[in-house]
């Protein structure tokens, strides 16, 4: 019986530590990366719709759906960044020069833009703040 006690205790401790690491580190980091990838794709599609038309309308067709989606993704990204990510990973993001909270401000205001040139500048600003290519 004694020979099973130490391996059982070690496996239990490793299981608890592994569970905590997965729940507190890996899942939030994966979620943030997923939100950022989705946001980058939506931003690219929005930029393409701006390029196709010279006049930007707030609630017209695909662009209206994209701006709504961008607002939701910006909110999800900021929530994940501020409340879910571990502190050490937020420091790593800051060291890379990403500013998700600052990028959310122009993302939220993107739906109010009527001029295509203003939209292009704001998209470039968002890409720079999130370090998107």
C-alpha atoms as a PDB file:
ATOM      1  CA  UNK A   1       0.000   0.000   0.000  1.00  0.00           C
ATOM      2  CA  UNK A   2       2.839   2.388   0.845  1.00  0.00           C
ATOM      3  CA  UNK A   3       4.409   2.035  -2.605  1.00  0.00           C
ATOM      4  CA  UNK A   4       1.202   3.402  -4.231  1.00  0.00           C
ATOM      5  CA  UNK A   5       0.818   6.388  -1.936  1.00  0.00           C
ATOM      6  CA  UNK A   6       3.633   8.558  -3.344  1.00  0.00           C
ATOM      7  CA  UNK A   7       2.816   7.994  -7.051  1.00  0.00           C
ATOM      8  CA  UNK A   8      -0.876   8.573  -6.362  1.00  0.00           C
ATOM      9  CA  UNK A   9      -0.170  11.790  -4.497  1.00  0.00           C
ATOM     10  CA  UNK A  10       2.239  12.977  -7.219  1.00  0.00           C
ATOM     11  CA  UNK A  11      -0.270  12.267  -9.991  1.00  0.00           C
ATOM     12  CA  UNK A  12      -3.011  14.058  -8.052  1.00  0.00           C
ATOM     13  CA  UNK A  13      -0.811  17.147  -7.561  1.00  0.00           C
ATOM     14  CA  UNK A  14       0.217  17.127 -11.234  1.00  0.00           C
ATOM     15  CA  UNK A  15      -3.433  16.831 -12.249  1.00  0.00           C
ATOM     16  CA  UNK A  16      -4.456  19.780 -10.079  1.00  0.00           C
ATOM     17  CA  UNK A  17      -1.574  21.939 -11.330  1.00  0.00           C
ATOM     18  CA  UNK A  18      -2.307  20.959 -14.926  1.00  0.00           C
ATOM     19  CA  UNK A  19      -5.995  21.763 -14.539  1.00  0.00           C
ATOM     20  CA  UNK A  20      -5.225  25.174 -13.045  1.00  0.00           C
ATOM     21  CA  UNK A  21      -2.735  25.975 -15.820  1.00  0.00           C
ATOM     22  CA  UNK A  22      -5.183  24.986 -18.544  1.00  0.00           C
ATOM     23  CA  UNK A  23      -8.145  26.857 -17.039  1.00  0.00           C
ATOM     24  CA  UNK A  24      -6.265  29.973 -15.955  1.00  0.00           C
ATOM     25  CA  UNK A  25      -3.603  30.319 -18.682  1.00  0.00           C
ATOM     26  CA  UNK A  26      -4.081  28.266 -21.817  1.00  0.00           C
ATOM     27  CA  UNK A  27      -7.814  28.710 -22.412  1.00  0.00           C
ATOM     28  CA  UNK A  28      -7.793  32.535 -21.944  1.00  0.00           C
ATOM     29  CA  UNK A  29      -4.701  32.903 -24.156  1.00  0.00           C
ATOM     30  CA  UNK A  30      -6.290  30.713 -26.832  1.00  0.00           C
ATOM     31  CA  UNK A  31      -9.543  32.703 -26.574  1.00  0.00           C
ATOM     32  CA  UNK A  32      -7.695  36.032 -26.959  1.00  0.00           C
ATOM     33  CA  UNK A  33      -5.796  34.750 -30.004  1.00  0.00           C
ATOM     34  CA  UNK A  34      -9.030  33.450 -31.541  1.00  0.00           C
ATOM     35  CA  UNK A  35     -10.821  36.773 -30.999  1.00  0.00           C
ATOM     36  CA  UNK A  36      -7.871  38.681 -32.458  1.00  0.00           C
ATOM     37  CA  UNK A  37      -7.749  36.410 -35.550  1.00  0.00           C
ATOM     38  CA  UNK A  38     -11.486  36.796 -36.091  1.00  0.00           C
ATOM     39  CA  UNK A  39     -11.253  40.552 -35.637  1.00  0.00           C
ATOM     40  CA  UNK A  40      -8.393  40.742 -38.154  1.00  0.00           C
ATOM     41  CA  UNK A  41     -10.488  38.850 -40.716  1.00  0.00           C
ATOM     42  CA  UNK A  42     -13.532  41.043 -40.139  1.00  0.00           C
ATOM     43  CA  UNK A  43     -11.391  44.181 -40.359  1.00  0.00           C
ATOM     44  CA  UNK A  44      -9.957  42.981 -43.673  1.00  0.00           C
ATOM     45  CA  UNK A  45     -13.454  42.350 -45.035  1.00  0.00           C
ATOM     46  CA  UNK A  46     -14.573  45.795 -43.849  1.00  0.00           C
ATOM     47  CA  UNK A  47     -11.539  47.396 -45.531  1.00  0.00           C
ATOM     48  CA  UNK A  48     -12.470  45.624 -48.765  1.00  0.00           C
ATOM     49  CA  UNK A  49     -16.026  46.970 -48.613  1.00  0.00           C
ATOM     50  CA  UNK A  50     -14.663  50.476 -48.040  1.00  0.00           C
ATOM     51  CA  UNK A  51     -12.381  50.107 -51.059  1.00  0.00           C
ATOM     52  CA  UNK A  52     -15.280  48.962 -53.245  1.00  0.00           C
ATOM     53  CA  UNK A  53     -17.382  52.027 -52.586  1.00  0.00           C
ATOM     54  CA  UNK A  54     -16.318  55.635 -52.320  1.00  0.00           C
ATOM     55  CA  UNK A  55     -19.085  56.604 -49.899  1.00  0.00           C
ATOM     56  CA  UNK A  56     -19.344  54.964 -46.495  1.00  0.00           C
ATOM     57  CA  UNK A  57     -22.874  54.484 -45.184  1.00  0.00           C
ATOM     58  CA  UNK A  58     -23.476  53.510 -41.596  1.00  0.00           C
ATOM     59  CA  UNK A  59     -26.132  50.842 -41.797  1.00  0.00           C
ATOM     60  CA  UNK A  60     -26.090  49.576 -45.331  1.00  0.00           C
ATOM     61  CA  UNK A  61     -25.903  45.887 -46.163  1.00  0.00           C
ATOM     62  CA  UNK A  62     -22.698  44.011 -45.507  1.00  0.00           C
ATOM     63  CA  UNK A  63     -20.869  47.012 -44.072  1.00  0.00           C
ATOM     64  CA  UNK A  64     -23.525  47.468 -41.385  1.00  0.00           C
ATOM     65  CA  UNK A  65     -23.247  43.832 -40.346  1.00  0.00           C
ATOM     66  CA  UNK A  66     -19.457  44.076 -40.329  1.00  0.00           C
ATOM     67  CA  UNK A  67     -19.415  47.189 -38.145  1.00  0.00           C
ATOM     68  CA  UNK A  68     -21.753  45.509 -35.675  1.00  0.00           C
ATOM     69  CA  UNK A  69     -19.540  42.428 -35.667  1.00  0.00           C
ATOM     70  CA  UNK A  70     -16.421  44.575 -35.218  1.00  0.00           C
ATOM     71  CA  UNK A  71     -17.981  46.321 -32.229  1.00  0.00           C
ATOM     72  CA  UNK A  72     -18.833  42.990 -30.628  1.00  0.00           C
ATOM     73  CA  UNK A  73     -15.354  41.605 -31.291  1.00  0.00           C
ATOM     74  CA  UNK A  74     -13.751  44.748 -29.844  1.00  0.00           C
ATOM     75  CA  UNK A  75     -15.820  44.369 -26.703  1.00  0.00           C
ATOM     76  CA  UNK A  76     -14.951  40.667 -26.425  1.00  0.00           C
ATOM     77  CA  UNK A  77     -11.244  41.398 -26.970  1.00  0.00           C
ATOM     78  CA  UNK A  78     -11.131  44.082 -24.269  1.00  0.00           C
ATOM     79  CA  UNK A  79     -13.064  41.905 -21.817  1.00  0.00           C
ATOM     80  CA  UNK A  80     -10.753  38.968 -22.441  1.00  0.00           C
ATOM     81  CA  UNK A  81      -7.673  41.184 -22.189  1.00  0.00           C
ATOM     82  CA  UNK A  82      -8.664  42.936 -18.965  1.00  0.00           C
ATOM     83  CA  UNK A  83     -10.374  40.159 -17.019  1.00  0.00           C
ATOM     84  CA  UNK A  84      -9.229  36.783 -18.302  1.00  0.00           C
ATOM     85  CA  UNK A  85      -5.628  36.938 -19.463  1.00  0.00           C
ATOM     86  CA  UNK A  86      -2.902  36.284 -16.912  1.00  0.00           C
ATOM     87  CA  UNK A  87      -0.837  39.288 -15.923  1.00  0.00           C
ATOM     88  CA  UNK A  88       2.399  37.906 -17.376  1.00  0.00           C
ATOM     89  CA  UNK A  89       0.735  37.469 -20.782  1.00  0.00           C
ATOM     90  CA  UNK A  90      -0.608  41.041 -20.714  1.00  0.00           C
ATOM     91  CA  UNK A  91       2.960  42.188 -20.075  1.00  0.00           C
ATOM     92  CA  UNK A  92       4.128  40.142 -23.054  1.00  0.00           C
ATOM     93  CA  UNK A  93       1.431  41.716 -25.256  1.00  0.00           C
ATOM     94  CA  UNK A  94       2.501  45.175 -24.093  1.00  0.00           C
ATOM     95  CA  UNK A  95       6.149  44.377 -24.828  1.00  0.00           C
ATOM     96  CA  UNK A  96       5.172  43.483 -28.400  1.00  0.00           C
ATOM     97  CA  UNK A  97       3.634  46.942 -28.713  1.00  0.00           C
ATOM     98  CA  UNK A  98       0.016  45.835 -28.892  1.00  0.00           C
ATOM     99  CA  UNK A  99      -2.587  48.017 -27.222  1.00  0.00           C
ATOM    100  CA  UNK A 100      -5.938  46.197 -27.404  1.00  0.00           C
ATOM    101  CA  UNK A 101      -7.767  48.656 -25.149  1.00  0.00           C
ATOM    102  CA  UNK A 102      -6.633  51.604 -27.259  1.00  0.00           C
ATOM    103  CA  UNK A 103      -7.492  49.730 -30.466  1.00  0.00           C
ATOM    104  CA  UNK A 104     -11.048  49.185 -29.242  1.00  0.00           C
ATOM    105  CA  UNK A 105     -11.780  52.920 -29.246  1.00  0.00           C
ATOM    106  CA  UNK A 106     -11.386  53.414 -33.009  1.00  0.00           C
ATOM    107  CA  UNK A 107     -13.082  50.044 -33.592  1.00  0.00           C
ATOM    108  CA  UNK A 108     -16.145  51.188 -31.683  1.00  0.00           C
ATOM    109  CA  UNK A 109     -16.270  54.455 -33.591  1.00  0.00           C
ATOM    110  CA  UNK A 110     -15.840  52.822 -36.991  1.00  0.00           C
ATOM    111  CA  UNK A 111     -19.590  52.514 -37.466  1.00  0.00           C
ATOM    112  CA  UNK A 112     -20.074  56.295 -37.252  1.00  0.00           C
ATOM    113  CA  UNK A 113     -17.697  57.161 -40.094  1.00  0.00           C
ATOM    114  CA  UNK A 114     -19.202  58.381 -43.343  1.00  0.00           C
ATOM    115  CA  UNK A 115     -16.083  59.263 -45.328  1.00  0.00           C
ATOM    116  CA  UNK A 116     -14.091  56.439 -46.927  1.00  0.00           C
ATOM    117  CA  UNK A 117     -10.737  58.156 -46.343  1.00  0.00           C
ATOM    118  CA  UNK A 118     -11.465  58.520 -42.625  1.00  0.00           C
ATOM    119  CA  UNK A 119     -12.369  54.817 -42.496  1.00  0.00           C
ATOM    120  CA  UNK A 120      -9.073  53.895 -44.198  1.00  0.00           C
ATOM    121  CA  UNK A 121      -7.092  55.951 -41.684  1.00  0.00           C
ATOM    122  CA  UNK A 122      -8.934  54.427 -38.758  1.00  0.00           C
ATOM    123  CA  UNK A 123      -8.396  50.903 -40.112  1.00  0.00           C
ATOM    124  CA  UNK A 124      -4.671  51.625 -40.459  1.00  0.00           C
ATOM    125  CA  UNK A 125      -4.606  52.930 -36.869  1.00  0.00           C
ATOM    126  CA  UNK A 126      -6.346  49.795 -35.588  1.00  0.00           C
ATOM    127  CA  UNK A 127      -3.944  47.532 -37.475  1.00  0.00           C
ATOM    128  CA  UNK A 128      -0.985  49.412 -36.042  1.00  0.00           C
ATOM    129  CA  UNK A 129      -2.274  49.190 -32.469  1.00  0.00           C
ATOM    130  CA  UNK A 130      -2.957  45.450 -32.749  1.00  0.00           C
ATOM    131  CA  UNK A 131       0.179  44.763 -34.796  1.00  0.00           C
ATOM    132  CA  UNK A 132      -1.810  43.188 -37.624  1.00  0.00           C
ATOM    133  CA  UNK A 133      -0.237  42.866 -41.036  1.00  0.00           C
END
